[in-house]
């Protein structure tokens, strides 16, 4: 598939092998995968007190008849102010996992959608000798990526991290950490040739 290449500081168009991604973007699978990753981020620590969790006095709030009010026996009743919450949320674990093969297919579909939308730039290397934010900004401007961008590398480079830490909406990740949610969350994608090759091996062996 024809995509944007960034080699030696120059932008060009070239062919990239994307046959391993298939030819169908599985939208329903992407929706399920995004829901799974977002759900797994929930802490699940919400909790409210029910009627049995309150330790108010058991004495009747007022006499039952003759006041014109509805009958209330105890002040911890749900209709009273500061009373218990009926059927309120409790601490729970929201995490769940999709099958491993489904995660791999979601990764394929998300990456294929990026290539089809011309939101991917493949670079030969992203190893900086020193922190160079201007060089990072120049690369983004040359590629026309002015919105959020995810940079995926195959080699850890601390200078690369330092070059992008002051840039808004720019995130750098190792290829081992990338999933379908990350690819869909960011508008643009910059990926190294080595990282793309690792994704190809990972998705091919998992099939």
C-alpha atoms as a PDB file:
ATOM      1  CA  UNK A   1       0.000   0.000   0.000  1.00  0.00           C
ATOM      2  CA  UNK A   2       1.267   3.473  -0.837  1.00  0.00           C
ATOM      3  CA  UNK A   3       1.987   5.576   2.218  1.00  0.00           C
ATOM      4  CA  UNK A   4       4.177   8.414   3.469  1.00  0.00           C
ATOM      5  CA  UNK A   5       7.848   7.682   4.067  1.00  0.00           C
ATOM      6  CA  UNK A   6      10.275   9.804   6.063  1.00  0.00           C
ATOM      7  CA  UNK A   7      13.876   8.913   5.349  1.00  0.00           C
ATOM      8  CA  UNK A   8      16.922  11.064   5.880  1.00  0.00           C
ATOM      9  CA  UNK A   9      14.807  14.063   6.825  1.00  0.00           C
ATOM     10  CA  UNK A  10      12.879  13.974   3.538  1.00  0.00           C
ATOM     11  CA  UNK A  11       9.244  13.138   2.887  1.00  0.00           C
ATOM     12  CA  UNK A  12       8.391  10.820   0.023  1.00  0.00           C
ATOM     13  CA  UNK A  13       5.722   8.415  -1.128  1.00  0.00           C
ATOM     14  CA  UNK A  14       6.440   4.711  -1.306  1.00  0.00           C
ATOM     15  CA  UNK A  15       4.991   1.241  -1.103  1.00  0.00           C
ATOM     16  CA  UNK A  16       4.762  -0.522   2.259  1.00  0.00           C
ATOM     17  CA  UNK A  17       3.930  -4.184   2.699  1.00  0.00           C
ATOM     18  CA  UNK A  18       0.518  -4.335   4.386  1.00  0.00           C
ATOM     19  CA  UNK A  19      -0.831  -7.663   3.163  1.00  0.00           C
ATOM     20  CA  UNK A  20      -0.479  -9.101   6.670  1.00  0.00           C
ATOM     21  CA  UNK A  21      -3.160  -6.648   7.841  1.00  0.00           C
ATOM     22  CA  UNK A  22      -5.817  -8.229   5.674  1.00  0.00           C
ATOM     23  CA  UNK A  23      -8.325  -6.346   3.533  1.00  0.00           C
ATOM     24  CA  UNK A  24     -11.252  -5.806   5.929  1.00  0.00           C
ATOM     25  CA  UNK A  25     -11.562  -3.299   8.783  1.00  0.00           C
ATOM     26  CA  UNK A  26     -13.607  -5.104  11.408  1.00  0.00           C
ATOM     27  CA  UNK A  27     -15.522  -2.185  12.879  1.00  0.00           C
ATOM     28  CA  UNK A  28     -17.542  -4.257  15.336  1.00  0.00           C
ATOM     29  CA  UNK A  29     -14.398  -5.895  16.686  1.00  0.00           C
ATOM     30  CA  UNK A  30     -12.757  -2.481  17.086  1.00  0.00           C
ATOM     31  CA  UNK A  31     -15.747  -1.239  19.040  1.00  0.00           C
ATOM     32  CA  UNK A  32     -15.558  -4.192  21.412  1.00  0.00           C
ATOM     33  CA  UNK A  33     -11.809  -3.806  21.876  1.00  0.00           C
ATOM     34  CA  UNK A  34     -12.060  -0.083  22.657  1.00  0.00           C
ATOM     35  CA  UNK A  35     -14.820  -0.804  25.151  1.00  0.00           C
ATOM     36  CA  UNK A  36     -12.662  -3.466  26.801  1.00  0.00           C
ATOM     37  CA  UNK A  37      -9.604  -1.221  27.173  1.00  0.00           C
ATOM     38  CA  UNK A  38     -11.661   1.691  28.501  1.00  0.00           C
ATOM     39  CA  UNK A  39     -13.532  -0.548  30.917  1.00  0.00           C
ATOM     40  CA  UNK A  40     -10.294  -2.033  32.227  1.00  0.00           C
ATOM     41  CA  UNK A  41      -9.126   1.469  33.141  1.00  0.00           C
ATOM     42  CA  UNK A  42     -11.988   1.924  35.593  1.00  0.00           C
ATOM     43  CA  UNK A  43     -10.934   1.694  39.220  1.00  0.00           C
ATOM     44  CA  UNK A  44     -14.305   0.449  40.430  1.00  0.00           C
ATOM     45  CA  UNK A  45     -13.856   2.023  43.871  1.00  0.00           C
ATOM     46  CA  UNK A  46     -17.242   3.800  43.893  1.00  0.00           C
ATOM     47  CA  UNK A  47     -19.419   2.959  46.859  1.00  0.00           C
ATOM     48  CA  UNK A  48     -22.413   4.404  48.684  1.00  0.00           C
ATOM     49  CA  UNK A  49     -24.021   3.503  51.992  1.00  0.00           C
ATOM     50  CA  UNK A  50     -27.249   1.612  52.032  1.00  0.00           C
ATOM     51  CA  UNK A  51     -29.807   1.559  54.783  1.00  0.00           C
ATOM     52  CA  UNK A  52     -28.063  -1.237  56.673  1.00  0.00           C
ATOM     53  CA  UNK A  53     -24.716   0.594  56.561  1.00  0.00           C
ATOM     54  CA  UNK A  54     -25.957   3.581  58.603  1.00  0.00           C
ATOM     55  CA  UNK A  55     -25.793   3.630  62.383  1.00  0.00           C
ATOM     56  CA  UNK A  56     -28.510   6.166  63.199  1.00  0.00           C
ATOM     57  CA  UNK A  57     -30.736   5.810  66.219  1.00  0.00           C
ATOM     58  CA  UNK A  58     -33.496   3.245  66.049  1.00  0.00           C
ATOM     59  CA  UNK A  59     -35.899   5.584  67.742  1.00  0.00           C
ATOM     60  CA  UNK A  60     -38.863   6.669  65.647  1.00  0.00           C
ATOM     61  CA  UNK A  61     -38.419  10.083  64.080  1.00  0.00           C
ATOM     62  CA  UNK A  62     -41.988  11.159  64.970  1.00  0.00           C
ATOM     63  CA  UNK A  63     -45.269   9.566  65.841  1.00  0.00           C
ATOM     64  CA  UNK A  64     -46.969   7.643  63.110  1.00  0.00           C
ATOM     65  CA  UNK A  65     -50.382   9.327  63.076  1.00  0.00           C
ATOM     66  CA  UNK A  66     -51.672  12.825  63.455  1.00  0.00           C
ATOM     67  CA  UNK A  67     -48.820  14.740  61.827  1.00  0.00           C
ATOM     68  CA  UNK A  68     -50.024  14.727  58.223  1.00  0.00           C
ATOM     69  CA  UNK A  69     -46.709  13.318  57.058  1.00  0.00           C
ATOM     70  CA  UNK A  70     -45.911  10.013  55.448  1.00  0.00           C
ATOM     71  CA  UNK A  71     -45.103   7.212  57.861  1.00  0.00           C
ATOM     72  CA  UNK A  72     -41.361   6.946  58.525  1.00  0.00           C
ATOM     73  CA  UNK A  73     -40.121   4.575  61.170  1.00  0.00           C
ATOM     74  CA  UNK A  74     -36.362   5.265  61.147  1.00  0.00           C
ATOM     75  CA  UNK A  75     -34.296   8.173  59.831  1.00  0.00           C
ATOM     76  CA  UNK A  76     -32.028   5.859  57.809  1.00  0.00           C
ATOM     77  CA  UNK A  77     -34.933   5.181  55.440  1.00  0.00           C
ATOM     78  CA  UNK A  78     -34.156   5.955  51.821  1.00  0.00           C
ATOM     79  CA  UNK A  79     -36.730   8.771  51.545  1.00  0.00           C
ATOM     80  CA  UNK A  80     -35.190  10.676  54.459  1.00  0.00           C
ATOM     81  CA  UNK A  81     -32.464  13.224  54.128  1.00  0.00           C
ATOM     82  CA  UNK A  82     -29.073  11.583  54.814  1.00  0.00           C
ATOM     83  CA  UNK A  83     -30.792   8.227  54.561  1.00  0.00           C
ATOM     84  CA  UNK A  84     -29.475   5.160  52.801  1.00  0.00           C
ATOM     85  CA  UNK A  85     -29.164   5.001  49.026  1.00  0.00           C
ATOM     86  CA  UNK A  86     -31.314   2.272  47.482  1.00  0.00           C
ATOM     87  CA  UNK A  87     -29.517  -0.083  45.071  1.00  0.00           C
ATOM     88  CA  UNK A  88     -26.464   2.171  44.946  1.00  0.00           C
ATOM     89  CA  UNK A  89     -23.112   1.244  43.391  1.00  0.00           C
ATOM     90  CA  UNK A  90     -20.664  -0.899  45.313  1.00  0.00           C
ATOM     91  CA  UNK A  91     -16.982  -1.686  44.875  1.00  0.00           C
ATOM     92  CA  UNK A  92     -16.570  -4.036  41.937  1.00  0.00           C
ATOM     93  CA  UNK A  93     -14.058  -5.131  39.327  1.00  0.00           C
ATOM     94  CA  UNK A  94     -14.933  -4.103  35.784  1.00  0.00           C
ATOM     95  CA  UNK A  95     -12.026  -5.771  34.028  1.00  0.00           C
ATOM     96  CA  UNK A  96     -12.556  -8.430  31.411  1.00  0.00           C
ATOM     97  CA  UNK A  97     -10.469  -9.783  28.576  1.00  0.00           C
ATOM     98  CA  UNK A  98     -11.105 -10.618  24.953  1.00  0.00           C
ATOM     99  CA  UNK A  99      -9.549 -13.696  23.387  1.00  0.00           C
ATOM    100  CA  UNK A 100      -5.944 -13.206  22.342  1.00  0.00           C
ATOM    101  CA  UNK A 101      -6.745 -13.791  18.689  1.00  0.00           C
ATOM    102  CA  UNK A 102      -9.484 -11.151  18.836  1.00  0.00           C
ATOM    103  CA  UNK A 103      -6.980  -8.624  20.215  1.00  0.00           C
ATOM    104  CA  UNK A 104      -4.587  -9.399  17.362  1.00  0.00           C
ATOM    105  CA  UNK A 105      -7.353  -8.980  14.781  1.00  0.00           C
ATOM    106  CA  UNK A 106      -8.327  -5.666  16.381  1.00  0.00           C
ATOM    107  CA  UNK A 107      -4.710  -4.518  16.142  1.00  0.00           C
ATOM    108  CA  UNK A 108      -4.656  -5.439  12.472  1.00  0.00           C
ATOM    109  CA  UNK A 109      -7.901  -3.643  11.720  1.00  0.00           C
ATOM    110  CA  UNK A 110      -6.901  -0.480  13.562  1.00  0.00           C
ATOM    111  CA  UNK A 111      -3.568  -0.310  11.762  1.00  0.00           C
ATOM    112  CA  UNK A 112      -5.198  -1.030   8.408  1.00  0.00           C
ATOM    113  CA  UNK A 113      -7.681   1.799   8.965  1.00  0.00           C
ATOM    114  CA  UNK A 114      -4.791   4.169   9.645  1.00  0.00           C
ATOM    115  CA  UNK A 115      -3.082   3.218   6.394  1.00  0.00           C
ATOM    116  CA  UNK A 116      -6.289   3.584   4.410  1.00  0.00           C
ATOM    117  CA  UNK A 117      -6.959   7.029   5.870  1.00  0.00           C
ATOM    118  CA  UNK A 118      -3.404   8.197   5.041  1.00  0.00           C
ATOM    119  CA  UNK A 119      -2.659   8.890   8.692  1.00  0.00           C
ATOM    120  CA  UNK A 120       0.552   6.845   8.891  1.00  0.00           C
ATOM    121  CA  UNK A 121       4.169   7.824   8.257  1.00  0.00           C
ATOM    122  CA  UNK A 122       6.881   5.161   8.204  1.00  0.00           C
ATOM    123  CA  UNK A 123      10.350   6.344   9.230  1.00  0.00           C
ATOM    124  CA  UNK A 124      13.645   4.513   8.929  1.00  0.00           C
ATOM    125  CA  UNK A 125      14.932   5.354  12.412  1.00  0.00           C
ATOM    126  CA  UNK A 126      14.128   7.527  15.421  1.00  0.00           C
ATOM    127  CA  UNK A 127      17.328   7.482  17.439  1.00  0.00           C
ATOM    128  CA  UNK A 128      18.475  10.904  18.647  1.00  0.00           C
ATOM    129  CA  UNK A 129      21.982  11.626  19.902  1.00  0.00           C
ATOM    130  CA  UNK A 130      20.660  14.364  22.180  1.00  0.00           C
ATOM    131  CA  UNK A 131      17.274  15.864  23.081  1.00  0.00           C
ATOM    132  CA  UNK A 132      16.180  17.861  20.032  1.00  0.00           C
ATOM    133  CA  UNK A 133      12.677  19.234  20.306  1.00  0.00           C
ATOM    134  CA  UNK A 134      13.149  21.435  17.234  1.00  0.00           C
ATOM    135  CA  UNK A 135      14.027  18.408  15.176  1.00  0.00           C
ATOM    136  CA  UNK A 136      10.909  16.639  16.398  1.00  0.00           C
ATOM    137  CA  UNK A 137       8.746  19.666  15.563  1.00  0.00           C
ATOM    138  CA  UNK A 138      10.346  19.929  12.136  1.00  0.00           C
ATOM    139  CA  UNK A 139       9.557  16.290  11.392  1.00  0.00           C
ATOM    140  CA  UNK A 140       5.928  16.733  12.439  1.00  0.00           C
ATOM    141  CA  UNK A 141       5.592  19.866  10.323  1.00  0.00           C
ATOM    142  CA  UNK A 142       7.157  18.171   7.299  1.00  0.00           C
ATOM    143  CA  UNK A 143       4.672  15.326   7.638  1.00  0.00           C
ATOM    144  CA  UNK A 144       1.760  17.718   8.121  1.00  0.00           C
ATOM    145  CA  UNK A 145       0.797  16.148  11.434  1.00  0.00           C
ATOM    146  CA  UNK A 146      -0.559  19.027  13.476  1.00  0.00           C
ATOM    147  CA  UNK A 147      -3.055  17.023  15.508  1.00  0.00           C
ATOM    148  CA  UNK A 148      -2.460  14.318  18.095  1.00  0.00           C
ATOM    149  CA  UNK A 149       0.198  11.836  17.115  1.00  0.00           C
ATOM    150  CA  UNK A 150       1.393   8.462  18.379  1.00  0.00           C
ATOM    151  CA  UNK A 151       5.037   7.554  17.757  1.00  0.00           C
ATOM    152  CA  UNK A 152       5.807   3.827  17.865  1.00  0.00           C
ATOM    153  CA  UNK A 153       9.421   2.713  18.034  1.00  0.00           C
ATOM    154  CA  UNK A 154      11.178  -0.609  18.248  1.00  0.00           C
ATOM    155  CA  UNK A 155      14.187   0.691  20.215  1.00  0.00           C
ATOM    156  CA  UNK A 156      14.044   2.629  23.453  1.00  0.00           C
ATOM    157  CA  UNK A 157      15.643   6.063  23.110  1.00  0.00           C
ATOM    158  CA  UNK A 158      15.612   8.371  26.127  1.00  0.00           C
ATOM    159  CA  UNK A 159      16.619  11.347  24.002  1.00  0.00           C
ATOM    160  CA  UNK A 160      13.571  10.781  21.828  1.00  0.00           C
ATOM    161  CA  UNK A 161      11.352  10.824  24.912  1.00  0.00           C
ATOM    162  CA  UNK A 162      12.965  14.050  26.106  1.00  0.00           C
ATOM    163  CA  UNK A 163      12.489  15.613  22.676  1.00  0.00           C
ATOM    164  CA  UNK A 164       8.730  15.113  22.767  1.00  0.00           C
ATOM    165  CA  UNK A 165       7.903  15.589  26.449  1.00  0.00           C
ATOM    166  CA  UNK A 166       7.082  19.303  26.024  1.00  0.00           C
ATOM    167  CA  UNK A 167       4.891  18.776  22.963  1.00  0.00           C
ATOM    168  CA  UNK A 168       1.156  18.563  23.454  1.00  0.00           C
ATOM    169  CA  UNK A 169      -0.734  15.512  22.227  1.00  0.00           C
ATOM    170  CA  UNK A 170       2.462  13.663  21.269  1.00  0.00           C
ATOM    171  CA  UNK A 171       2.951  10.249  22.845  1.00  0.00           C
ATOM    172  CA  UNK A 172       5.803   7.782  22.353  1.00  0.00           C
ATOM    173  CA  UNK A 173       5.393   4.060  22.944  1.00  0.00           C
ATOM    174  CA  UNK A 174       7.340   0.876  22.423  1.00  0.00           C
ATOM    175  CA  UNK A 175       5.846  -1.501  19.909  1.00  0.00           C
ATOM    176  CA  UNK A 176       5.324  -4.145  22.616  1.00  0.00           C
ATOM    177  CA  UNK A 177       2.866  -1.853  24.422  1.00  0.00           C
ATOM    178  CA  UNK A 178       0.738  -0.796  21.470  1.00  0.00           C
ATOM    179  CA  UNK A 179      -2.814  -2.044  21.096  1.00  0.00           C
ATOM    180  CA  UNK A 180      -5.856  -1.157  19.014  1.00  0.00           C
ATOM    181  CA  UNK A 181      -7.060   1.423  21.534  1.00  0.00           C
ATOM    182  CA  UNK A 182      -3.855   3.455  21.265  1.00  0.00           C
ATOM    183  CA  UNK A 183      -3.916   3.454  17.475  1.00  0.00           C
ATOM    184  CA  UNK A 184      -7.509   4.696  17.391  1.00  0.00           C
ATOM    185  CA  UNK A 185      -7.098   7.238  20.197  1.00  0.00           C
ATOM    186  CA  UNK A 186      -4.506   9.321  18.345  1.00  0.00           C
ATOM    187  CA  UNK A 187      -5.214  10.970  15.000  1.00  0.00           C
ATOM    188  CA  UNK A 188      -1.834  10.308  13.360  1.00  0.00           C
ATOM    189  CA  UNK A 189       0.736   7.549  13.600  1.00  0.00           C
ATOM    190  CA  UNK A 190       4.494   7.589  13.094  1.00  0.00           C
ATOM    191  CA  UNK A 191       6.026   4.138  13.161  1.00  0.00           C
ATOM    192  CA  UNK A 192       9.526   2.913  12.503  1.00  0.00           C
ATOM    193  CA  UNK A 193      10.298   0.198   9.985  1.00  0.00           C
ATOM    194  CA  UNK A 194      11.524  -2.086  12.748  1.00  0.00           C
ATOM    195  CA  UNK A 195       8.331  -1.622  14.767  1.00  0.00           C
ATOM    196  CA  UNK A 196       6.186  -2.346  11.721  1.00  0.00           C
ATOM    197  CA  UNK A 197       8.164  -5.521  11.103  1.00  0.00           C
ATOM    198  CA  UNK A 198       7.633  -6.623  14.714  1.00  0.00           C
ATOM    199  CA  UNK A 199       3.891  -6.080  14.378  1.00  0.00           C
ATOM    200  CA  UNK A 200       3.918  -8.157  11.207  1.00  0.00           C
ATOM    201  CA  UNK A 201       5.699 -11.033  12.970  1.00  0.00           C
ATOM    202  CA  UNK A 202       3.430 -10.777  16.006  1.00  0.00           C
ATOM    203  CA  UNK A 203       0.186 -10.821  14.028  1.00  0.00           C
ATOM    204  CA  UNK A 204       1.378 -13.505  11.634  1.00  0.00           C
ATOM    205  CA  UNK A 205       2.397 -15.952  14.354  1.00  0.00           C
ATOM    206  CA  UNK A 206      -0.833 -15.361  16.269  1.00  0.00           C
ATOM    207  CA  UNK A 207      -3.039 -16.308  13.314  1.00  0.00           C
END
